[in-house]
Amino acid sequence: MDEVTYREYEQNVWRNIPTLHYRLVSHQYRAQPLRRVYVPKENGTDRPISIPALEDKIVQKATVTVLTAIYEQDFLPCSSASTGPHAHDALDASGRTICRGR
């Protein structure tokens, strides 16, 4: 969206990251609009893809890193993704745990 590459951002990284951090903690940061691109599918139709700006990607990755560090320790062996192909397995495991009274 902003047409800034990682290489360009990295050239001033010692200024860019502290500036980004300041904008985040001072609530001045605003995500930029996504760029919409259409990719052709095998069946002849187009699939829309939204592409975020580079700083939005950096903020998203930092958020994932922080939240993972906080919540990963709370996952149990029976924990599973709530969506996707294993959602039914997660529901089954939850049901078994609830029925056992744990």
PDB file of N, CA and C in Angstrom:
ATOM      1  N   MET A   1       0.825  -1.186   0.000  1.00  0.00           N
ATOM      2  CA  MET A   1       0.000   0.000   0.000  1.00  0.00           C
ATOM      3  C   MET A   1       0.868   1.247   0.000  1.00  0.00           C
ATOM      4  N   ASP A   2       1.827   1.309   0.887  1.00  0.00           N
ATOM      5  CA  ASP A   2       2.685   2.492   0.985  1.00  0.00           C
ATOM      6  C   ASP A   2       3.887   2.419   0.054  1.00  0.00           C
ATOM      7  N   GLU A   3       4.063   1.272  -0.590  1.00  0.00           N
ATOM      8  CA  GLU A   3       5.150   1.030  -1.537  1.00  0.00           C
ATOM      9  C   GLU A   3       6.531   1.201  -0.910  1.00  0.00           C
ATOM     10  N   VAL A   4       6.637   0.970   0.396  1.00  0.00           N
ATOM     11  CA  VAL A   4       7.921   0.975   1.086  1.00  0.00           C
ATOM     12  C   VAL A   4       8.368  -0.472   1.222  1.00  0.00           C
ATOM     13  N   THR A   5       9.600  -0.748   0.823  1.00  0.00           N
ATOM     14  CA  THR A   5      10.119  -2.108   0.929  1.00  0.00           C
ATOM     15  C   THR A   5      10.831  -2.292   2.271  1.00  0.00           C
ATOM     16  N   TYR A   6      11.040  -3.560   2.647  1.00  0.00           N
ATOM     17  CA  TYR A   6      11.794  -3.848   3.868  1.00  0.00           C
ATOM     18  C   TYR A   6      13.181  -3.224   3.786  1.00  0.00           C
ATOM     19  N   ARG A   7      13.793  -3.321   2.627  1.00  0.00           N
ATOM     20  CA  ARG A   7      15.154  -2.794   2.449  1.00  0.00           C
ATOM     21  C   ARG A   7      15.182  -1.273   2.672  1.00  0.00           C
ATOM     22  N   GLU A   8      14.189  -0.573   2.138  1.00  0.00           N
ATOM     23  CA  GLU A   8      14.120   0.875   2.338  1.00  0.00           C
ATOM     24  C   GLU A   8      13.875   1.217   3.810  1.00  0.00           C
ATOM     25  N   TYR A   9      12.973   0.488   4.435  1.00  0.00           N
ATOM     26  CA  TYR A   9      12.653   0.732   5.848  1.00  0.00           C
ATOM     27  C   TYR A   9      13.874   0.449   6.715  1.00  0.00           C
ATOM     28  N   GLU A  10      14.627  -0.569   6.350  1.00  0.00           N
ATOM     29  CA  GLU A  10      15.795  -0.975   7.121  1.00  0.00           C
ATOM     30  C   GLU A  10      16.923   0.064   7.058  1.00  0.00           C
ATOM     31  N   GLN A  11      16.972   0.835   5.985  1.00  0.00           N
ATOM     32  CA  GLN A  11      18.035   1.841   5.856  1.00  0.00           C
ATOM     33  C   GLN A  11      18.003   2.851   6.997  1.00  0.00           C
ATOM     34  N   ASN A  12      16.834   3.154   7.521  1.00  0.00           N
ATOM     35  CA  ASN A  12      16.685   4.081   8.650  1.00  0.00           C
ATOM     36  C   ASN A  12      16.028   3.392   9.842  1.00  0.00           C
ATOM     37  N   VAL A  13      16.318   2.124  10.032  1.00  0.00           N
ATOM     38  CA  VAL A  13      15.619   1.332  11.045  1.00  0.00           C
ATOM     39  C   VAL A  13      15.805   1.899  12.455  1.00  0.00           C
ATOM     40  N   TRP A  14      16.977   2.481  12.759  1.00  0.00           N
ATOM     41  CA  TRP A  14      17.238   3.014  14.096  1.00  0.00           C
ATOM     42  C   TRP A  14      16.422   4.263  14.375  1.00  0.00           C
ATOM     43  N   ARG A  15      15.890   4.876  13.338  1.00  0.00           N
ATOM     44  CA  ARG A  15      14.979   6.003  13.509  1.00  0.00           C
ATOM     45  C   ARG A  15      13.531   5.547  13.343  1.00  0.00           C
ATOM     46  N   ASN A  16      13.295   4.646  12.398  1.00  0.00           N
ATOM     47  CA  ASN A  16      11.923   4.220  12.079  1.00  0.00           C
ATOM     48  C   ASN A  16      11.250   3.461  13.218  1.00  0.00           C
ATOM     49  N   ILE A  17      11.952   2.515  13.821  1.00  0.00           N
ATOM     50  CA  ILE A  17      11.347   1.694  14.876  1.00  0.00           C
ATOM     51  C   ILE A  17      11.012   2.521  16.121  1.00  0.00           C
ATOM     52  N   PRO A  18      11.930   3.363  16.632  1.00  0.00           N
ATOM     53  CA  PRO A  18      11.542   4.195  17.784  1.00  0.00           C
ATOM     54  C   PRO A  18      10.387   5.148  17.470  1.00  0.00           C
ATOM     55  N   THR A  19      10.353   5.664  16.240  1.00  0.00           N
ATOM     56  CA  THR A  19       9.247   6.541  15.848  1.00  0.00           C
ATOM     57  C   THR A  19       7.941   5.765  15.822  1.00  0.00           C
ATOM     58  N   LEU A  20       7.974   4.562  15.267  1.00  0.00           N
ATOM     59  CA  LEU A  20       6.788   3.709  15.231  1.00  0.00           C
ATOM     60  C   LEU A  20       6.340   3.372  16.655  1.00  0.00           C
ATOM     61  N   HIS A  21       7.295   3.016  17.505  1.00  0.00           N
ATOM     62  CA  HIS A  21       6.978   2.697  18.899  1.00  0.00           C
ATOM     63  C   HIS A  21       6.320   3.885  19.590  1.00  0.00           C
ATOM     64  N   TYR A  22       6.866   5.074  19.400  1.00  0.00           N
ATOM     65  CA  TYR A  22       6.289   6.265  20.019  1.00  0.00           C
ATOM     66  C   TYR A  22       4.852   6.474  19.536  1.00  0.00           C
ATOM     67  N   ARG A  23       4.623   6.330  18.232  1.00  0.00           N
ATOM     68  CA  ARG A  23       3.276   6.507  17.700  1.00  0.00           C
ATOM     69  C   ARG A  23       2.315   5.467  18.272  1.00  0.00           C
ATOM     70  N   LEU A  24       2.801   4.258  18.530  1.00  0.00           N
ATOM     71  CA  LEU A  24       1.950   3.218  19.116  1.00  0.00           C
ATOM     72  C   LEU A  24       1.578   3.549  20.557  1.00  0.00           C
ATOM     73  N   VAL A  25       2.577   3.850  21.386  1.00  0.00           N
ATOM     74  CA  VAL A  25       2.307   4.070  22.811  1.00  0.00           C
ATOM     75  C   VAL A  25       1.575   5.385  23.066  1.00  0.00           C
ATOM     76  N   SER A  26       1.676   6.346  22.147  1.00  0.00           N
ATOM     77  CA  SER A  26       0.986   7.621  22.319  1.00  0.00           C
ATOM     78  C   SER A  26      -0.368   7.629  21.610  1.00  0.00           C
ATOM     79  N   HIS A  27      -0.767   6.457  21.105  1.00  0.00           N
ATOM     80  CA  HIS A  27      -2.062   6.285  20.424  1.00  0.00           C
ATOM     81  C   HIS A  27      -2.206   7.146  19.177  1.00  0.00           C
ATOM     82  N   GLN A  28      -1.090   7.482  18.559  1.00  0.00           N
ATOM     83  CA  GLN A  28      -1.116   8.259  17.327  1.00  0.00           C
ATOM     84  C   GLN A  28      -1.061   7.371  16.090  1.00  0.00           C
ATOM     85  N   TYR A  29      -0.729   6.101  16.282  1.00  0.00           N
ATOM     86  CA  TYR A  29      -0.600   5.180  15.144  1.00  0.00           C
ATOM     87  C   TYR A  29      -1.978   4.828  14.592  1.00  0.00           C
ATOM     88  N   ARG A  30      -2.120   4.866  13.311  1.00  0.00           N
ATOM     89  CA  ARG A  30      -3.343   4.448  12.636  1.00  0.00           C
ATOM     90  C   ARG A  30      -2.960   3.513  11.497  1.00  0.00           C
ATOM     91  N   ALA A  31      -3.598   2.382  11.452  1.00  0.00           N
ATOM     92  CA  ALA A  31      -3.348   1.441  10.355  1.00  0.00           C
ATOM     93  C   ALA A  31      -3.761   2.090   9.041  1.00  0.00           C
ATOM     94  N   GLN A  32      -2.972   1.841   8.026  1.00  0.00           N
ATOM     95  CA  GLN A  32      -3.271   2.405   6.720  1.00  0.00           C
ATOM     96  C   GLN A  32      -4.299   1.532   5.999  1.00  0.00           C
ATOM     97  N   PRO A  33      -5.000   2.112   5.043  1.00  0.00           N
ATOM     98  CA  PRO A  33      -5.944   1.309   4.258  1.00  0.00           C
ATOM     99  C   PRO A  33      -5.208   0.180   3.531  1.00  0.00           C
ATOM    100  N   LEU A  34      -5.886  -0.927   3.379  1.00  0.00           N
ATOM    101  CA  LEU A  34      -5.304  -2.066   2.678  1.00  0.00           C
ATOM    102  C   LEU A  34      -5.393  -1.859   1.170  1.00  0.00           C
ATOM    103  N   ARG A  35      -4.383  -2.368   0.466  1.00  0.00           N
ATOM    104  CA  ARG A  35      -4.428  -2.330  -0.998  1.00  0.00           C
ATOM    105  C   ARG A  35      -5.111  -3.608  -1.463  1.00  0.00           C
ATOM    106  N   ARG A  36      -6.107  -3.485  -2.300  1.00  0.00           N
ATOM    107  CA  ARG A  36      -6.855  -4.642  -2.795  1.00  0.00           C
ATOM    108  C   ARG A  36      -6.273  -5.062  -4.144  1.00  0.00           C
ATOM    109  N   VAL A  37      -5.910  -6.332  -4.232  1.00  0.00           N
ATOM    110  CA  VAL A  37      -5.368  -6.907  -5.456  1.00  0.00           C
ATOM    111  C   VAL A  37      -6.208  -8.127  -5.791  1.00  0.00           C
ATOM    112  N   TYR A  38      -6.419  -8.366  -7.073  1.00  0.00           N
ATOM    113  CA  TYR A  38      -7.184  -9.527  -7.504  1.00  0.00           C
ATOM    114  C   TYR A  38      -6.261 -10.506  -8.197  1.00  0.00           C
ATOM    115  N   VAL A  39      -6.261 -11.741  -7.695  1.00  0.00           N
ATOM    116  CA  VAL A  39      -5.407 -12.800  -8.225  1.00  0.00           C
ATOM    117  C   VAL A  39      -6.291 -13.788  -8.970  1.00  0.00           C
ATOM    118  N   PRO A  40      -5.931 -14.128 -10.215  1.00  0.00           N
ATOM    119  CA  PRO A  40      -6.755 -15.073 -10.963  1.00  0.00           C
ATOM    120  C   PRO A  40      -6.718 -16.477 -10.348  1.00  0.00           C
ATOM    121  N   LYS A  41      -7.872 -17.117 -10.313  1.00  0.00           N
ATOM    122  CA  LYS A  41      -7.980 -18.495  -9.822  1.00  0.00           C
ATOM    123  C   LYS A  41      -8.042 -19.438 -11.018  1.00  0.00           C
ATOM    124  N   GLU A  42      -7.879 -20.715 -10.759  1.00  0.00           N
ATOM    125  CA  GLU A  42      -7.885 -21.715 -11.832  1.00  0.00           C
ATOM    126  C   GLU A  42      -9.220 -21.775 -12.554  1.00  0.00           C
ATOM    127  N   ASN A  43     -10.301 -21.452 -11.859  1.00  0.00           N
ATOM    128  CA  ASN A  43     -11.629 -21.547 -12.481  1.00  0.00           C
ATOM    129  C   ASN A  43     -11.989 -20.297 -13.293  1.00  0.00           C
ATOM    130  N   GLY A  44     -11.047 -19.361 -13.448  1.00  0.00           N
ATOM    131  CA  GLY A  44     -11.284 -18.181 -14.263  1.00  0.00           C
ATOM    132  C   GLY A  44     -11.772 -16.964 -13.500  1.00  0.00           C
ATOM    133  N   THR A  45     -12.145 -17.137 -12.254  1.00  0.00           N
ATOM    134  CA  THR A  45     -12.577 -15.983 -11.460  1.00  0.00           C
ATOM    135  C   THR A  45     -11.370 -15.365 -10.755  1.00  0.00           C
ATOM    136  N   ASP A  46     -11.575 -14.217 -10.166  1.00  0.00           N
ATOM    137  CA  ASP A  46     -10.507 -13.545  -9.427  1.00  0.00           C
ATOM    138  C   ASP A  46     -10.770 -13.629  -7.935  1.00  0.00           C
ATOM    139  N   ARG A  47      -9.679 -13.805  -7.188  1.00  0.00           N
ATOM    140  CA  ARG A  47      -9.768 -13.862  -5.730  1.00  0.00           C
ATOM    141  C   ARG A  47      -9.183 -12.569  -5.172  1.00  0.00           C
ATOM    142  N   PRO A  48      -9.941 -11.845  -4.349  1.00  0.00           N
ATOM    143  CA  PRO A  48      -9.413 -10.601  -3.786  1.00  0.00           C
ATOM    144  C   PRO A  48      -8.433 -10.873  -2.646  1.00  0.00           C
ATOM    145  N   ILE A  49      -7.349 -10.137  -2.635  1.00  0.00           N
ATOM    146  CA  ILE A  49      -6.358 -10.226  -1.564  1.00  0.00           C
ATOM    147  C   ILE A  49      -6.099  -8.810  -1.067  1.00  0.00           C
ATOM    148  N   SER A  50      -6.060  -8.634   0.233  1.00  0.00           N
ATOM    149  CA  SER A  50      -5.763  -7.330   0.822  1.00  0.00           C
ATOM    150  C   SER A  50      -4.325  -7.316   1.304  1.00  0.00           C
ATOM    151  N   ILE A  51      -3.586  -6.305   0.910  1.00  0.00           N
ATOM    152  CA  ILE A  51      -2.174  -6.206   1.252  1.00  0.00           C
ATOM    153  C   ILE A  51      -1.971  -5.017   2.186  1.00  0.00           C
ATOM    154  N   PRO A  52      -1.463  -5.277   3.407  1.00  0.00           N
ATOM    155  CA  PRO A  52      -1.242  -4.180   4.352  1.00  0.00           C
ATOM    156  C   PRO A  52       0.062  -3.439   4.051  1.00  0.00           C
ATOM    157  N   ALA A  53       0.177  -2.227   4.578  1.00  0.00           N
ATOM    158  CA  ALA A  53       1.404  -1.447   4.485  1.00  0.00           C
ATOM    159  C   ALA A  53       2.483  -2.117   5.334  1.00  0.00           C
ATOM    160  N   LEU A  54       3.734  -1.789   5.046  1.00  0.00           N
ATOM    161  CA  LEU A  54       4.861  -2.426   5.732  1.00  0.00           C
ATOM    162  C   LEU A  54       4.804  -2.208   7.246  1.00  0.00           C
ATOM    163  N   GLU A  55       4.561  -0.982   7.699  1.00  0.00           N
ATOM    164  CA  GLU A  55       4.504  -0.744   9.144  1.00  0.00           C
ATOM    165  C   GLU A  55       3.357  -1.507   9.792  1.00  0.00           C
ATOM    166  N   ASP A  56       2.255  -1.680   9.089  1.00  0.00           N
ATOM    167  CA  ASP A  56       1.156  -2.474   9.634  1.00  0.00           C
ATOM    168  C   ASP A  56       1.595  -3.922   9.832  1.00  0.00           C
ATOM    169  N   LYS A  57       2.372  -4.448   8.896  1.00  0.00           N
ATOM    170  CA  LYS A  57       2.895  -5.817   9.038  1.00  0.00           C
ATOM    171  C   LYS A  57       3.827  -5.907  10.251  1.00  0.00           C
ATOM    172  N   ILE A  58       4.653  -4.895  10.444  1.00  0.00           N
ATOM    173  CA  ILE A  58       5.583  -4.885  11.582  1.00  0.00           C
ATOM    174  C   ILE A  58       4.808  -4.857  12.897  1.00  0.00           C
ATOM    175  N   VAL A  59       3.783  -4.021  12.973  1.00  0.00           N
ATOM    176  CA  VAL A  59       2.959  -3.933  14.184  1.00  0.00           C
ATOM    177  C   VAL A  59       2.241  -5.260  14.430  1.00  0.00           C
ATOM    178  N   GLN A  60       1.704  -5.868  13.384  1.00  0.00           N
ATOM    179  CA  GLN A  60       1.013  -7.152  13.528  1.00  0.00           C
ATOM    180  C   GLN A  60       1.965  -8.225  14.045  1.00  0.00           C
ATOM    181  N   LYS A  61       3.173  -8.292  13.490  1.00  0.00           N
ATOM    182  CA  LYS A  61       4.142  -9.304  13.919  1.00  0.00           C
ATOM    183  C   LYS A  61       4.559  -9.068  15.374  1.00  0.00           C
ATOM    184  N   ALA A  62       4.781  -7.819  15.756  1.00  0.00           N
ATOM    185  CA  ALA A  62       5.154  -7.512  17.141  1.00  0.00           C
ATOM    186  C   ALA A  62       4.032  -7.896  18.097  1.00  0.00           C
ATOM    187  N   THR A  63       2.790  -7.639  17.694  1.00  0.00           N
ATOM    188  CA  THR A  63       1.639  -7.991  18.528  1.00  0.00           C
ATOM    189  C   THR A  63       1.551  -9.496  18.728  1.00  0.00           C
ATOM    190  N   VAL A  64       1.738 -10.253  17.658  1.00  0.00           N
ATOM    191  CA  VAL A  64       1.719 -11.717  17.751  1.00  0.00           C
ATOM    192  C   VAL A  64       2.822 -12.208  18.679  1.00  0.00           C
ATOM    193  N   THR A  65       4.006 -11.628  18.557  1.00  0.00           N
ATOM    194  CA  THR A  65       5.144 -12.050  19.394  1.00  0.00           C
ATOM    195  C   THR A  65       4.851 -11.811  20.872  1.00  0.00           C
ATOM    196  N   VAL A  66       4.309 -10.637  21.206  1.00  0.00           N
ATOM    197  CA  VAL A  66       4.009 -10.320  22.605  1.00  0.00           C
ATOM    198  C   VAL A  66       2.889 -11.211  23.142  1.00  0.00           C
ATOM    199  N   LEU A  67       1.798 -11.338  22.382  1.00  0.00           N
ATOM    200  CA  LEU A  67       0.663 -12.143  22.858  1.00  0.00           C
ATOM    201  C   LEU A  67       1.020 -13.620  22.969  1.00  0.00           C
ATOM    202  N   THR A  68       1.851 -14.113  22.063  1.00  0.00           N
ATOM    203  CA  THR A  68       2.286 -15.505  22.142  1.00  0.00           C
ATOM    204  C   THR A  68       3.095 -15.739  23.405  1.00  0.00           C
ATOM    205  N   ALA A  69       3.983 -14.813  23.734  1.00  0.00           N
ATOM    206  CA  ALA A  69       4.789 -14.949  24.952  1.00  0.00           C
ATOM    207  C   ALA A  69       3.910 -14.947  26.200  1.00  0.00           C
ATOM    208  N   ILE A  70       2.835 -14.184  26.163  1.00  0.00           N
ATOM    209  CA  ILE A  70       1.942 -14.105  27.323  1.00  0.00           C
ATOM    210  C   ILE A  70       1.072 -15.355  27.445  1.00  0.00           C
ATOM    211  N   TYR A  71       0.448 -15.775  26.352  1.00  0.00           N
ATOM    212  CA  TYR A  71      -0.584 -16.809  26.425  1.00  0.00           C
ATOM    213  C   TYR A  71      -0.116 -18.219  26.086  1.00  0.00           C
ATOM    214  N   GLU A  72       1.017 -18.367  25.456  1.00  0.00           N
ATOM    215  CA  GLU A  72       1.484 -19.705  25.073  1.00  0.00           C
ATOM    216  C   GLU A  72       1.655 -20.611  26.285  1.00  0.00           C
ATOM    217  N   GLN A  73       2.074 -20.059  27.407  1.00  0.00           N
ATOM    218  CA  GLN A  73       2.298 -20.861  28.612  1.00  0.00           C
ATOM    219  C   GLN A  73       0.994 -21.422  29.178  1.00  0.00           C
ATOM    220  N   ASP A  74      -0.149 -20.841  28.791  1.00  0.00           N
ATOM    221  CA  ASP A  74      -1.434 -21.304  29.293  1.00  0.00           C
ATOM    222  C   ASP A  74      -2.022 -22.457  28.493  1.00  0.00           C
ATOM    223  N   PHE A  75      -1.431 -22.766  27.334  1.00  0.00           N
ATOM    224  CA  PHE A  75      -1.970 -23.841  26.516  1.00  0.00           C
ATOM    225  C   PHE A  75      -1.653 -25.193  27.135  1.00  0.00           C
ATOM    226  N   LEU A  76      -2.618 -26.067  27.071  1.00  0.00           N
ATOM    227  CA  LEU A  76      -2.479 -27.422  27.583  1.00  0.00           C
ATOM    228  C   LEU A  76      -2.282 -28.382  26.415  1.00  0.00           C
ATOM    229  N   PRO A  77      -1.854 -29.629  26.677  1.00  0.00           N
ATOM    230  CA  PRO A  77      -1.698 -30.583  25.586  1.00  0.00           C
ATOM    231  C   PRO A  77      -2.986 -30.784  24.787  1.00  0.00           C
ATOM    232  N   CYS A  78      -4.128 -30.581  25.428  1.00  0.00           N
ATOM    233  CA  CYS A  78      -5.394 -30.755  24.717  1.00  0.00           C
ATOM    234  C   CYS A  78      -5.824 -29.479  23.992  1.00  0.00           C
ATOM    235  N   SER A  79      -5.060 -28.378  24.152  1.00  0.00           N
ATOM    236  CA  SER A  79      -5.415 -27.131  23.480  1.00  0.00           C
ATOM    237  C   SER A  79      -5.245 -27.300  21.979  1.00  0.00           C
ATOM    238  N   SER A  80      -6.129 -26.680  21.246  1.00  0.00           N
ATOM    239  CA  SER A  80      -6.094 -26.792  19.796  1.00  0.00           C
ATOM    240  C   SER A  80      -6.645 -25.517  19.202  1.00  0.00           C
ATOM    241  N   ALA A  81      -6.417 -25.347  17.930  1.00  0.00           N
ATOM    242  CA  ALA A  81      -6.952 -24.178  17.234  1.00  0.00           C
ATOM    243  C   ALA A  81      -8.473 -24.215  17.249  1.00  0.00           C
ATOM    244  N   SER A  82      -9.087 -23.043  17.335  1.00  0.00           N
ATOM    245  CA  SER A  82     -10.549 -23.007  17.381  1.00  0.00           C
ATOM    246  C   SER A  82     -11.164 -22.983  15.992  1.00  0.00           C
ATOM    247  N   THR A  83     -10.340 -22.835  14.978  1.00  0.00           N
ATOM    248  CA  THR A  83     -10.838 -22.861  13.605  1.00  0.00           C
ATOM    249  C   THR A  83      -9.951 -23.784  12.787  1.00  0.00           C
ATOM    250  N   GLY A  84     -10.405 -24.082  11.607  1.00  0.00           N
ATOM    251  CA  GLY A  84      -9.603 -24.902  10.718  1.00  0.00           C
ATOM    252  C   GLY A  84      -9.967 -26.365  10.826  1.00  0.00           C
ATOM    253  N   PRO A  85      -9.100 -27.221  10.273  1.00  0.00           N
ATOM    254  CA  PRO A  85      -9.430 -28.651  10.189  1.00  0.00           C
ATOM    255  C   PRO A  85      -9.513 -29.350  11.534  1.00  0.00           C
ATOM    256  N   HIS A  86      -8.932 -28.781  12.571  1.00  0.00           N
ATOM    257  CA  HIS A  86      -8.912 -29.446  13.868  1.00  0.00           C
ATOM    258  C   HIS A  86      -9.944 -28.865  14.837  1.00  0.00           C
ATOM    259  N   ALA A  87     -10.842 -28.060  14.341  1.00  0.00           N
ATOM    260  CA  ALA A  87     -11.841 -27.444  15.222  1.00  0.00           C
ATOM    261  C   ALA A  87     -12.713 -28.495  15.890  1.00  0.00           C
ATOM    262  N   HIS A  88     -13.093 -29.544  15.149  1.00  0.00           N
ATOM    263  CA  HIS A  88     -13.925 -30.598  15.734  1.00  0.00           C
ATOM    264  C   HIS A  88     -13.154 -31.363  16.805  1.00  0.00           C
ATOM    265  N   ASP A  89     -11.862 -31.578  16.586  1.00  0.00           N
ATOM    266  CA  ASP A  89     -11.042 -32.235  17.606  1.00  0.00           C
ATOM    267  C   ASP A  89     -11.004 -31.396  18.885  1.00  0.00           C
ATOM    268  N   ALA A  90     -10.896 -30.057  18.719  1.00  0.00           N
ATOM    269  CA  ALA A  90     -10.878 -29.176  19.885  1.00  0.00           C
ATOM    270  C   ALA A  90     -12.203 -29.233  20.631  1.00  0.00           C
ATOM    271  N   LEU A  91     -13.294 -29.252  19.891  1.00  0.00           N
ATOM    272  CA  LEU A  91     -14.612 -29.347  20.527  1.00  0.00           C
ATOM    273  C   LEU A  91     -14.781 -30.685  21.241  1.00  0.00           C
ATOM    274  N   ASP A  92     -14.331 -31.767  20.614  1.00  0.00           N
ATOM    275  CA  ASP A  92     -14.411 -33.088  21.249  1.00  0.00           C
ATOM    276  C   ASP A  92     -13.600 -33.123  22.542  1.00  0.00           C
ATOM    277  N   ALA A  93     -12.382 -32.573  22.501  1.00  0.00           N
ATOM    278  CA  ALA A  93     -11.533 -32.556  23.696  1.00  0.00           C
ATOM    279  C   ALA A  93     -12.179 -31.719  24.795  1.00  0.00           C
ATOM    280  N   SER A  94     -12.774 -30.584  24.422  1.00  0.00           N
ATOM    281  CA  SER A  94     -13.458 -29.744  25.419  1.00  0.00           C
ATOM    282  C   SER A  94     -14.632 -30.486  26.029  1.00  0.00           C
ATOM    283  N   GLY A  95     -15.405 -31.173  25.189  1.00  0.00           N
ATOM    284  CA  GLY A  95     -16.549 -31.929  25.672  1.00  0.00           C
ATOM    285  C   GLY A  95     -16.136 -33.030  26.640  1.00  0.00           C
ATOM    286  N   ARG A  96     -15.064 -33.741  26.301  1.00  0.00           N
ATOM    287  CA  ARG A  96     -14.582 -34.809  27.186  1.00  0.00           C
ATOM    288  C   ARG A  96     -14.117 -34.237  28.519  1.00  0.00           C
ATOM    289  N   THR A  97     -13.428 -33.094  28.479  1.00  0.00           N
ATOM    290  CA  THR A  97     -12.929 -32.466  29.708  1.00  0.00           C
ATOM    291  C   THR A  97     -14.091 -32.016  30.576  1.00  0.00           C
ATOM    292  N   ILE A  98     -15.093 -31.400  29.972  1.00  0.00           N
ATOM    293  CA  ILE A  98     -16.259 -30.926  30.725  1.00  0.00           C
ATOM    294  C   ILE A  98     -17.020 -32.092  31.333  1.00  0.00           C
ATOM    295  N   CYS A  99     -17.202 -33.149  30.574  1.00  0.00           N
ATOM    296  CA  CYS A  99     -17.955 -34.314  31.074  1.00  0.00           C
ATOM    297  C   CYS A  99     -17.226 -35.014  32.218  1.00  0.00           C
ATOM    298  N   ARG A 100     -15.907 -34.926  32.238  1.00  0.00           N
ATOM    299  CA  ARG A 100     -15.134 -35.558  33.324  1.00  0.00           C
ATOM    300  C   ARG A 100     -15.089 -34.687  34.573  1.00  0.00           C
ATOM    301  N   GLY A 101     -15.586 -33.455  34.450  1.00  0.00           N
ATOM    302  CA  GLY A 101     -15.616 -32.577  35.607  1.00  0.00           C
ATOM    303  C   GLY A 101     -14.304 -31.929  35.936  1.00  0.00           C
ATOM    304  N   ARG A 102     -13.405 -31.836  34.950  1.00  0.00           N
ATOM    305  CA  ARG A 102     -12.095 -31.192  35.187  1.00  0.00           C
ATOM    306  C   ARG A 102     -12.113 -29.787  34.667  1.00  0.00           C
TER     307      ARG A 102
END
